[in-house]
Amino acid sequence: MSDKASVYTRAARWIAHLSGRPVTFLLAVALIAVWLITGPIFAYSDTWQLVINTGTTIITFLMVFLIQNTQNRDTVAMQLKLDELIRATKGAHLSLLDLEELEEHELAAFVAQYEALAAKGRAQLDKGLSDTGTPEVVSQTAPPEKSLSRPKPASAKGRTSPRAGKPKPVG
């Protein structure tokens, strides 16, 4: 953990860590049990019900933001780790870096290519052959949409989706 993390980041990490512990769950169950036990004391009044409704609503509302913060940080960290593995792997397609920034139809083109590659691998296994290796992916399979087959200007990130045919040289 960075010493320079913001107060919010430190608090979010601490609360996320604490909220995921078994003892926190047991405390929540105990609190609900106490609330249930006090029902007859307060004659199951509207105020008695309002206490638990308000408390759980506030906790849920705040936890949504903490969970989203944790998810965002974890997702960014995982994407960076995966990007580094792709970058450091000889022969890997650099066009796979930062895929999460592509549009749905651009992602669909990549998915179709890898599904075709998986089908080819299963067919090889069915024939008793090996399914290992590093076949070319980006230039072997046509994308699922015709709109992707035409050359398009590069996206703001400098990437375009895969196309049929030979990949264009970079530079």
N, C-alpha and C. Protein backbone atom coordinates (compact mmCIF):
# COMPACT_ATOMS: atom_id res chain seq x y z
N MET A 1 0.85 -1.18 0.00
CA MET A 1 0.00 0.00 0.00
C MET A 1 0.89 1.23 0.00
N SER A 2 0.57 2.15 -0.83
CA SER A 2 1.35 3.38 -0.96
C SER A 2 1.16 4.28 0.26
N ASP A 3 2.25 4.89 0.71
CA ASP A 3 2.15 5.84 1.82
C ASP A 3 1.42 7.10 1.38
N LYS A 4 1.39 7.36 0.08
CA LYS A 4 0.80 8.59 -0.44
C LYS A 4 -0.65 8.41 -0.89
N ALA A 5 -1.26 7.27 -0.56
CA ALA A 5 -2.64 7.04 -0.95
C ALA A 5 -3.54 8.06 -0.25
N SER A 6 -4.58 8.46 -0.95
CA SER A 6 -5.50 9.46 -0.39
C SER A 6 -6.23 8.87 0.82
N VAL A 7 -6.80 9.74 1.60
CA VAL A 7 -7.56 9.32 2.78
C VAL A 7 -8.72 8.42 2.33
N TYR A 8 -9.38 8.81 1.24
CA TYR A 8 -10.50 8.01 0.73
C TYR A 8 -10.02 6.61 0.34
N THR A 9 -8.91 6.53 -0.38
CA THR A 9 -8.39 5.23 -0.82
C THR A 9 -8.03 4.36 0.37
N ARG A 10 -7.35 4.94 1.33
CA ARG A 10 -6.99 4.16 2.53
C ARG A 10 -8.23 3.69 3.27
N ALA A 11 -9.21 4.60 3.44
CA ALA A 11 -10.45 4.24 4.14
C ALA A 11 -11.22 3.17 3.36
N ALA A 12 -11.29 3.32 2.04
CA ALA A 12 -12.02 2.36 1.21
C ALA A 12 -11.37 0.98 1.31
N ARG A 13 -10.05 0.91 1.27
CA ARG A 13 -9.36 -0.38 1.40
C ARG A 13 -9.62 -1.00 2.76
N TRP A 14 -9.53 -0.18 3.81
CA TRP A 14 -9.72 -0.68 5.17
C TRP A 14 -11.14 -1.19 5.36
N ILE A 15 -12.13 -0.42 4.93
CA ILE A 15 -13.54 -0.82 5.09
C ILE A 15 -13.84 -2.05 4.24
N ALA A 16 -13.32 -2.10 3.02
CA ALA A 16 -13.54 -3.27 2.16
C ALA A 16 -12.93 -4.51 2.80
N HIS A 17 -11.75 -4.37 3.35
CA HIS A 17 -11.09 -5.50 4.02
C HIS A 17 -11.91 -5.94 5.23
N LEU A 18 -12.33 -4.98 6.03
CA LEU A 18 -13.09 -5.26 7.24
C LEU A 18 -14.45 -5.86 6.92
N SER A 19 -15.12 -5.34 5.91
CA SER A 19 -16.48 -5.81 5.60
C SER A 19 -16.48 -7.23 5.05
N GLY A 20 -15.37 -7.70 4.55
CA GLY A 20 -15.32 -9.05 4.00
C GLY A 20 -14.92 -10.11 5.01
N ARG A 21 -14.75 -9.73 6.24
CA ARG A 21 -14.32 -10.69 7.26
C ARG A 21 -15.52 -11.40 7.87
N PRO A 22 -15.34 -12.66 8.30
CA PRO A 22 -16.44 -13.41 8.92
C PRO A 22 -17.00 -12.73 10.18
N VAL A 23 -16.13 -12.12 10.97
CA VAL A 23 -16.59 -11.48 12.19
C VAL A 23 -17.55 -10.33 11.88
N THR A 24 -17.35 -9.63 10.79
CA THR A 24 -18.25 -8.55 10.40
C THR A 24 -19.63 -9.11 10.05
N PHE A 25 -19.64 -10.22 9.35
CA PHE A 25 -20.91 -10.88 9.02
C PHE A 25 -21.63 -11.30 10.29
N LEU A 26 -20.90 -11.88 11.23
CA LEU A 26 -21.51 -12.31 12.48
C LEU A 26 -22.06 -11.12 13.28
N LEU A 27 -21.35 -10.00 13.24
CA LEU A 27 -21.85 -8.80 13.91
C LEU A 27 -23.15 -8.31 13.27
N ALA A 28 -23.24 -8.38 11.95
CA ALA A 28 -24.46 -7.97 11.25
C ALA A 28 -25.62 -8.89 11.61
N VAL A 29 -25.35 -10.19 11.68
CA VAL A 29 -26.39 -11.15 12.07
C VAL A 29 -26.84 -10.88 13.51
N ALA A 30 -25.87 -10.60 14.38
CA ALA A 30 -26.20 -10.29 15.78
C ALA A 30 -27.05 -9.02 15.88
N LEU A 31 -26.72 -8.02 15.09
CA LEU A 31 -27.49 -6.78 15.10
C LEU A 31 -28.93 -7.02 14.66
N ILE A 32 -29.11 -7.84 13.65
CA ILE A 32 -30.46 -8.16 13.18
C ILE A 32 -31.20 -8.98 14.24
N ALA A 33 -30.49 -9.89 14.90
CA ALA A 33 -31.12 -10.68 15.97
C ALA A 33 -31.59 -9.77 17.10
N VAL A 34 -30.76 -8.80 17.49
CA VAL A 34 -31.14 -7.85 18.54
C VAL A 34 -32.37 -7.05 18.08
N TRP A 35 -32.38 -6.64 16.85
CA TRP A 35 -33.52 -5.89 16.32
C TRP A 35 -34.78 -6.74 16.38
N LEU A 36 -34.67 -8.02 15.99
CA LEU A 36 -35.84 -8.90 16.03
C LEU A 36 -36.33 -9.12 17.46
N ILE A 37 -35.39 -9.29 18.38
CA ILE A 37 -35.76 -9.51 19.77
C ILE A 37 -36.48 -8.29 20.36
N THR A 38 -36.08 -7.10 19.93
CA THR A 38 -36.71 -5.89 20.46
C THR A 38 -38.06 -5.60 19.82
N GLY A 39 -38.45 -6.37 18.84
CA GLY A 39 -39.75 -6.18 18.18
C GLY A 39 -40.91 -6.16 19.16
N PRO A 40 -41.05 -7.19 20.01
CA PRO A 40 -42.18 -7.19 20.96
C PRO A 40 -42.10 -6.03 21.97
N ILE A 41 -40.89 -5.64 22.32
CA ILE A 41 -40.72 -4.54 23.28
C ILE A 41 -41.30 -3.25 22.70
N PHE A 42 -41.09 -3.02 21.41
CA PHE A 42 -41.58 -1.81 20.75
C PHE A 42 -42.89 -2.05 20.00
N ALA A 43 -43.52 -3.18 20.29
CA ALA A 43 -44.82 -3.55 19.69
C ALA A 43 -44.77 -3.53 18.16
N TYR A 44 -43.64 -3.90 17.63
CA TYR A 44 -43.47 -3.96 16.17
C TYR A 44 -43.94 -2.68 15.50
N SER A 45 -43.62 -1.57 16.09
CA SER A 45 -44.11 -0.27 15.62
C SER A 45 -43.46 0.14 14.30
N ASP A 46 -44.02 1.17 13.72
CA ASP A 46 -43.45 1.71 12.48
C ASP A 46 -42.04 2.23 12.73
N THR A 47 -41.81 2.83 13.88
CA THR A 47 -40.47 3.34 14.20
C THR A 47 -39.48 2.20 14.31
N TRP A 48 -39.89 1.10 14.93
CA TRP A 48 -39.04 -0.08 15.05
C TRP A 48 -38.64 -0.59 13.66
N GLN A 49 -39.56 -0.64 12.74
CA GLN A 49 -39.27 -1.08 11.37
C GLN A 49 -38.41 -0.06 10.64
N LEU A 50 -38.68 1.21 10.89
CA LEU A 50 -37.94 2.28 10.23
C LEU A 50 -36.45 2.25 10.61
N VAL A 51 -36.16 1.87 11.83
CA VAL A 51 -34.77 1.81 12.29
C VAL A 51 -33.96 0.85 11.41
N ILE A 52 -34.44 -0.36 11.22
CA ILE A 52 -33.68 -1.33 10.43
C ILE A 52 -33.68 -0.95 8.96
N ASN A 53 -34.81 -0.45 8.45
CA ASN A 53 -34.87 -0.05 7.04
C ASN A 53 -33.89 1.09 6.74
N THR A 54 -33.87 2.09 7.61
CA THR A 54 -32.97 3.23 7.40
C THR A 54 -31.52 2.79 7.52
N GLY A 55 -31.22 2.02 8.55
CA GLY A 55 -29.84 1.57 8.76
C GLY A 55 -29.31 0.74 7.59
N THR A 56 -30.09 -0.22 7.15
CA THR A 56 -29.62 -1.07 6.05
C THR A 56 -29.54 -0.29 4.74
N THR A 57 -30.44 0.65 4.53
CA THR A 57 -30.39 1.46 3.31
C THR A 57 -29.13 2.32 3.27
N ILE A 58 -28.81 2.95 4.38
CA ILE A 58 -27.62 3.80 4.43
C ILE A 58 -26.35 2.97 4.22
N ILE A 59 -26.27 1.83 4.90
CA ILE A 59 -25.08 0.98 4.76
C ILE A 59 -24.96 0.48 3.32
N THR A 60 -26.08 0.05 2.73
CA THR A 60 -26.04 -0.43 1.34
C THR A 60 -25.62 0.66 0.38
N PHE A 61 -26.17 1.84 0.56
CA PHE A 61 -25.84 2.97 -0.30
C PHE A 61 -24.34 3.28 -0.26
N LEU A 62 -23.77 3.33 0.93
CA LEU A 62 -22.34 3.64 1.06
C LEU A 62 -21.46 2.49 0.55
N MET A 63 -21.89 1.26 0.80
CA MET A 63 -21.09 0.11 0.36
C MET A 63 -21.01 0.01 -1.16
N VAL A 64 -22.05 0.46 -1.85
CA VAL A 64 -22.02 0.43 -3.32
C VAL A 64 -20.82 1.21 -3.83
N PHE A 65 -20.56 2.39 -3.25
CA PHE A 65 -19.44 3.21 -3.69
C PHE A 65 -18.10 2.58 -3.32
N LEU A 66 -18.03 1.99 -2.14
CA LEU A 66 -16.79 1.35 -1.72
C LEU A 66 -16.49 0.11 -2.57
N ILE A 67 -17.52 -0.67 -2.85
CA ILE A 67 -17.33 -1.85 -3.69
C ILE A 67 -16.92 -1.44 -5.09
N GLN A 68 -17.54 -0.41 -5.64
CA GLN A 68 -17.18 0.05 -6.99
C GLN A 68 -15.74 0.55 -7.02
N ASN A 69 -15.33 1.27 -5.99
CA ASN A 69 -13.95 1.75 -5.91
C ASN A 69 -12.97 0.58 -5.89
N THR A 70 -13.27 -0.41 -5.09
CA THR A 70 -12.41 -1.59 -5.00
C THR A 70 -12.37 -2.32 -6.34
N GLN A 71 -13.53 -2.49 -6.96
CA GLN A 71 -13.60 -3.16 -8.27
C GLN A 71 -12.80 -2.40 -9.33
N ASN A 72 -12.93 -1.08 -9.34
CA ASN A 72 -12.19 -0.27 -10.32
C ASN A 72 -10.69 -0.45 -10.16
N ARG A 73 -10.20 -0.37 -8.92
CA ARG A 73 -8.77 -0.52 -8.69
C ARG A 73 -8.30 -1.91 -9.07
N ASP A 74 -9.06 -2.94 -8.67
CA ASP A 74 -8.68 -4.31 -8.99
C ASP A 74 -8.68 -4.55 -10.49
N THR A 75 -9.67 -4.01 -11.18
CA THR A 75 -9.75 -4.20 -12.63
C THR A 75 -8.58 -3.53 -13.34
N VAL A 76 -8.25 -2.32 -12.95
CA VAL A 76 -7.12 -1.61 -13.56
C VAL A 76 -5.82 -2.38 -13.30
N ALA A 77 -5.63 -2.83 -12.07
CA ALA A 77 -4.41 -3.58 -11.74
C ALA A 77 -4.32 -4.87 -12.56
N MET A 78 -5.44 -5.59 -12.68
CA MET A 78 -5.43 -6.83 -13.44
C MET A 78 -5.17 -6.57 -14.92
N GLN A 79 -5.78 -5.53 -15.47
CA GLN A 79 -5.55 -5.20 -16.88
C GLN A 79 -4.09 -4.85 -17.12
N LEU A 80 -3.49 -4.11 -16.21
CA LEU A 80 -2.08 -3.76 -16.37
C LEU A 80 -1.19 -5.00 -16.31
N LYS A 81 -1.51 -5.92 -15.42
CA LYS A 81 -0.73 -7.15 -15.33
C LYS A 81 -0.87 -7.98 -16.61
N LEU A 82 -2.10 -8.07 -17.11
CA LEU A 82 -2.30 -8.81 -18.36
C LEU A 82 -1.61 -8.12 -19.54
N ASP A 83 -1.70 -6.80 -19.57
CA ASP A 83 -1.03 -6.05 -20.63
C ASP A 83 0.48 -6.28 -20.58
N GLU A 84 1.04 -6.34 -19.39
CA GLU A 84 2.48 -6.59 -19.26
C GLU A 84 2.83 -7.99 -19.73
N LEU A 85 2.00 -8.98 -19.44
CA LEU A 85 2.25 -10.33 -19.92
C LEU A 85 2.21 -10.38 -21.45
N ILE A 86 1.25 -9.70 -22.04
CA ILE A 86 1.17 -9.66 -23.50
C ILE A 86 2.40 -8.96 -24.07
N ARG A 87 2.75 -7.81 -23.48
CA ARG A 87 3.89 -7.04 -23.96
C ARG A 87 5.18 -7.84 -23.88
N ALA A 88 5.34 -8.61 -22.82
CA ALA A 88 6.60 -9.32 -22.59
C ALA A 88 6.67 -10.67 -23.31
N THR A 89 5.57 -11.12 -23.90
CA THR A 89 5.55 -12.41 -24.57
C THR A 89 5.95 -12.26 -26.03
N LYS A 90 7.01 -12.94 -26.41
CA LYS A 90 7.50 -12.85 -27.79
C LYS A 90 6.43 -13.43 -28.72
N GLY A 91 6.13 -12.69 -29.76
CA GLY A 91 5.14 -13.12 -30.74
C GLY A 91 3.71 -12.77 -30.39
N ALA A 92 3.49 -12.17 -29.23
CA ALA A 92 2.11 -11.81 -28.84
C ALA A 92 1.63 -10.62 -29.66
N HIS A 93 0.36 -10.56 -29.88
CA HIS A 93 -0.24 -9.46 -30.64
C HIS A 93 -0.43 -8.25 -29.73
N LEU A 94 0.26 -7.20 -30.02
CA LEU A 94 0.14 -5.99 -29.22
C LEU A 94 -1.23 -5.34 -29.40
N SER A 95 -1.94 -5.72 -30.45
CA SER A 95 -3.29 -5.17 -30.65
C SER A 95 -4.25 -5.66 -29.58
N LEU A 96 -3.85 -6.67 -28.79
CA LEU A 96 -4.71 -7.16 -27.72
C LEU A 96 -4.56 -6.33 -26.45
N LEU A 97 -3.57 -5.47 -26.41
CA LEU A 97 -3.41 -4.60 -25.25
C LEU A 97 -4.59 -3.64 -25.17
N ASP A 98 -5.08 -3.42 -23.99
CA ASP A 98 -6.10 -2.40 -23.75
C ASP A 98 -7.41 -2.68 -24.51
N LEU A 99 -7.78 -3.94 -24.65
CA LEU A 99 -9.01 -4.31 -25.35
C LEU A 99 -10.26 -3.74 -24.69
N GLU A 100 -10.18 -3.51 -23.39
CA GLU A 100 -11.36 -3.02 -22.67
C GLU A 100 -11.82 -1.65 -23.15
N GLU A 101 -11.00 -0.98 -23.94
CA GLU A 101 -11.37 0.33 -24.46
C GLU A 101 -12.10 0.26 -25.81
N LEU A 102 -12.18 -0.94 -26.41
CA LEU A 102 -12.82 -1.08 -27.71
C LEU A 102 -14.34 -1.06 -27.60
N GLU A 103 -14.99 -0.78 -28.72
CA GLU A 103 -16.45 -0.85 -28.82
C GLU A 103 -16.86 -2.32 -28.87
N GLU A 104 -18.14 -2.58 -28.59
CA GLU A 104 -18.64 -3.95 -28.57
C GLU A 104 -18.41 -4.67 -29.90
N HIS A 105 -18.68 -4.01 -31.02
CA HIS A 105 -18.52 -4.69 -32.30
C HIS A 105 -17.05 -4.97 -32.60
N GLU A 106 -16.15 -4.14 -32.11
CA GLU A 106 -14.72 -4.40 -32.29
C GLU A 106 -14.28 -5.59 -31.44
N LEU A 107 -14.81 -5.68 -30.21
CA LEU A 107 -14.51 -6.83 -29.37
C LEU A 107 -15.06 -8.11 -30.00
N ALA A 108 -16.24 -8.02 -30.62
CA ALA A 108 -16.85 -9.18 -31.26
C ALA A 108 -15.95 -9.77 -32.34
N ALA A 109 -15.22 -8.92 -33.04
CA ALA A 109 -14.31 -9.40 -34.07
C ALA A 109 -13.19 -10.24 -33.45
N PHE A 110 -12.65 -9.77 -32.33
CA PHE A 110 -11.61 -10.55 -31.64
C PHE A 110 -12.19 -11.86 -31.10
N VAL A 111 -13.37 -11.80 -30.50
CA VAL A 111 -14.00 -13.00 -29.95
C VAL A 111 -14.20 -14.03 -31.05
N ALA A 112 -14.69 -13.61 -32.20
CA ALA A 112 -14.93 -14.53 -33.31
C ALA A 112 -13.63 -15.20 -33.74
N GLN A 113 -12.54 -14.45 -33.77
CA GLN A 113 -11.26 -15.02 -34.17
C GLN A 113 -10.79 -16.08 -33.18
N TYR A 114 -10.93 -15.81 -31.90
CA TYR A 114 -10.48 -16.77 -30.91
C TYR A 114 -11.42 -17.97 -30.81
N GLU A 115 -12.70 -17.77 -31.06
CA GLU A 115 -13.63 -18.90 -31.11
C GLU A 115 -13.28 -19.82 -32.28
N ALA A 116 -12.95 -19.23 -33.42
CA ALA A 116 -12.55 -20.03 -34.58
C ALA A 116 -11.27 -20.80 -34.29
N LEU A 117 -10.34 -20.16 -33.61
CA LEU A 117 -9.08 -20.82 -33.24
C LEU A 117 -9.35 -21.98 -32.28
N ALA A 118 -10.25 -21.79 -31.32
CA ALA A 118 -10.60 -22.86 -30.38
C ALA A 118 -11.25 -24.02 -31.11
N ALA A 119 -12.14 -23.72 -32.06
CA ALA A 119 -12.80 -24.78 -32.83
C ALA A 119 -11.77 -25.56 -33.64
N LYS A 120 -10.80 -24.86 -34.21
CA LYS A 120 -9.74 -25.52 -34.97
C LYS A 120 -8.92 -26.44 -34.05
N GLY A 121 -8.64 -25.96 -32.84
CA GLY A 121 -7.90 -26.77 -31.87
C GLY A 121 -8.67 -28.02 -31.47
N ARG A 122 -9.97 -27.89 -31.23
CA ARG A 122 -10.79 -29.05 -30.87
C ARG A 122 -10.86 -30.04 -32.03
N ALA A 123 -10.95 -29.53 -33.25
CA ALA A 123 -10.97 -30.41 -34.43
C ALA A 123 -9.66 -31.18 -34.54
N GLN A 124 -8.55 -30.52 -34.24
CA GLN A 124 -7.26 -31.21 -34.27
C GLN A 124 -7.20 -32.30 -33.21
N LEU A 125 -7.73 -32.01 -32.01
CA LEU A 125 -7.76 -33.01 -30.95
C LEU A 125 -8.61 -34.20 -31.35
N ASP A 126 -9.74 -33.94 -32.01
CA ASP A 126 -10.63 -35.01 -32.46
C ASP A 126 -9.92 -35.93 -33.46
N LYS A 127 -8.98 -35.38 -34.21
CA LYS A 127 -8.22 -36.17 -35.20
C LYS A 127 -6.99 -36.82 -34.57
N GLY A 128 -6.80 -36.62 -33.26
CA GLY A 128 -5.66 -37.20 -32.58
C GLY A 128 -4.40 -36.37 -32.71
N LEU A 129 -4.53 -35.14 -33.20
CA LEU A 129 -3.39 -34.25 -33.35
C LEU A 129 -3.25 -33.34 -32.14
N SER A 130 -2.15 -32.65 -32.07
CA SER A 130 -1.92 -31.70 -30.99
C SER A 130 -2.66 -30.39 -31.27
N ASP A 131 -3.10 -29.75 -30.21
CA ASP A 131 -3.75 -28.46 -30.37
C ASP A 131 -2.88 -27.32 -29.84
N THR A 132 -1.60 -27.56 -29.69
CA THR A 132 -0.71 -26.54 -29.17
C THR A 132 -0.05 -25.77 -30.31
N GLY A 133 0.55 -24.66 -29.95
CA GLY A 133 1.24 -23.85 -30.94
C GLY A 133 0.83 -22.40 -30.82
N THR A 134 1.37 -21.61 -31.72
CA THR A 134 1.05 -20.19 -31.73
C THR A 134 0.66 -19.77 -33.14
N PRO A 135 -0.51 -20.23 -33.59
CA PRO A 135 -0.94 -19.84 -34.93
C PRO A 135 -1.25 -18.35 -35.00
N GLU A 136 -1.11 -17.80 -36.19
CA GLU A 136 -1.45 -16.39 -36.41
C GLU A 136 -2.94 -16.22 -36.21
N VAL A 137 -3.35 -15.18 -35.51
CA VAL A 137 -4.77 -14.98 -35.22
C VAL A 137 -5.33 -13.79 -35.96
N VAL A 138 -4.71 -12.65 -35.83
CA VAL A 138 -5.30 -11.41 -36.32
C VAL A 138 -5.54 -11.44 -37.82
N SER A 139 -4.69 -12.09 -38.60
CA SER A 139 -4.86 -12.03 -40.05
C SER A 139 -5.53 -13.27 -40.62
N GLN A 140 -5.86 -14.29 -39.82
CA GLN A 140 -6.41 -15.52 -40.38
C GLN A 140 -7.93 -15.55 -40.47
N THR A 141 -8.61 -14.92 -39.57
CA THR A 141 -10.06 -15.05 -39.50
C THR A 141 -10.72 -13.73 -39.85
N ALA A 142 -11.69 -13.79 -40.74
CA ALA A 142 -12.42 -12.58 -41.10
C ALA A 142 -13.29 -12.14 -39.93
N PRO A 143 -13.41 -10.86 -39.71
CA PRO A 143 -14.26 -10.39 -38.62
C PRO A 143 -15.73 -10.66 -38.91
N PRO A 144 -16.58 -10.68 -37.88
CA PRO A 144 -17.97 -11.06 -38.06
C PRO A 144 -18.82 -10.00 -38.75
N GLU A 145 -18.35 -8.78 -38.83
CA GLU A 145 -19.16 -7.72 -39.43
C GLU A 145 -18.45 -7.15 -40.65
N LYS A 146 -19.21 -6.89 -41.71
CA LYS A 146 -18.63 -6.33 -42.92
C LYS A 146 -18.01 -4.97 -42.66
N SER A 147 -18.61 -4.22 -41.74
CA SER A 147 -18.11 -2.87 -41.47
C SER A 147 -16.68 -2.90 -40.96
N LEU A 148 -16.27 -4.01 -40.37
CA LEU A 148 -14.90 -4.11 -39.87
C LEU A 148 -13.93 -4.52 -40.97
N SER A 149 -14.45 -5.01 -42.09
CA SER A 149 -13.58 -5.45 -43.18
C SER A 149 -12.98 -4.28 -43.95
N ARG A 150 -13.68 -3.15 -43.95
CA ARG A 150 -13.15 -1.97 -44.63
C ARG A 150 -12.11 -1.31 -43.73
N PRO A 151 -11.07 -0.75 -44.31
CA PRO A 151 -10.12 -0.01 -43.48
C PRO A 151 -10.82 1.17 -42.83
N LYS A 152 -10.56 1.34 -41.54
CA LYS A 152 -11.14 2.44 -40.79
C LYS A 152 -10.00 3.26 -40.20
N PRO A 153 -10.26 4.52 -39.93
CA PRO A 153 -9.23 5.29 -39.26
C PRO A 153 -8.98 4.72 -37.88
N ALA A 154 -7.76 4.88 -37.40
CA ALA A 154 -7.40 4.37 -36.09
C ALA A 154 -8.23 5.08 -35.02
N SER A 155 -8.50 4.35 -33.93
CA SER A 155 -9.24 4.94 -32.82
C SER A 155 -8.37 5.96 -32.11
N ALA A 156 -8.95 6.63 -31.14
CA ALA A 156 -8.21 7.65 -30.38
C ALA A 156 -7.00 7.04 -29.69
N LYS A 157 -7.08 5.77 -29.39
CA LYS A 157 -5.97 5.09 -28.73
C LYS A 157 -4.93 4.62 -29.76
N GLY A 158 -5.18 4.83 -31.03
CA GLY A 158 -4.22 4.42 -32.05
C GLY A 158 -4.38 2.97 -32.47
N ARG A 159 -5.53 2.36 -32.14
CA ARG A 159 -5.75 0.97 -32.49
C ARG A 159 -7.01 0.84 -33.31
N THR A 160 -7.04 -0.18 -34.13
CA THR A 160 -8.25 -0.52 -34.85
C THR A 160 -8.53 -1.98 -34.58
N SER A 161 -9.70 -2.43 -34.95
CA SER A 161 -10.04 -3.82 -34.76
C SER A 161 -9.36 -4.67 -35.82
N PRO A 162 -9.32 -5.99 -35.61
CA PRO A 162 -8.66 -6.87 -36.57
C PRO A 162 -9.43 -6.91 -37.88
N ARG A 163 -8.72 -7.17 -38.94
CA ARG A 163 -9.34 -7.26 -40.26
C ARG A 163 -8.82 -8.51 -40.97
N ALA A 164 -9.56 -8.92 -41.98
CA ALA A 164 -9.10 -10.02 -42.80
C ALA A 164 -7.91 -9.55 -43.62
N GLY A 165 -7.07 -10.46 -44.01
CA GLY A 165 -5.90 -10.09 -44.80
C GLY A 165 -4.69 -9.84 -43.94
N LYS A 166 -3.65 -9.36 -44.60
CA LYS A 166 -2.38 -9.14 -43.90
C LYS A 166 -2.46 -7.92 -42.99
N PRO A 167 -1.86 -8.02 -41.79
CA PRO A 167 -1.84 -6.84 -40.93
C PRO A 167 -0.93 -5.78 -41.54
N LYS A 168 -1.32 -4.54 -41.36
CA LYS A 168 -0.51 -3.45 -41.91
C LYS A 168 0.70 -3.22 -41.02
N PRO A 169 1.86 -2.93 -41.59
CA PRO A 169 3.04 -2.68 -40.76
C PRO A 169 2.84 -1.45 -39.90
N VAL A 170 3.41 -1.51 -38.70
CA VAL A 170 3.33 -0.39 -37.77
C VAL A 170 4.47 0.55 -38.06
N GLY A 171 4.16 1.85 -38.04
CA GLY A 171 5.25 2.82 -38.18
C GLY A 171 5.07 3.66 -39.31
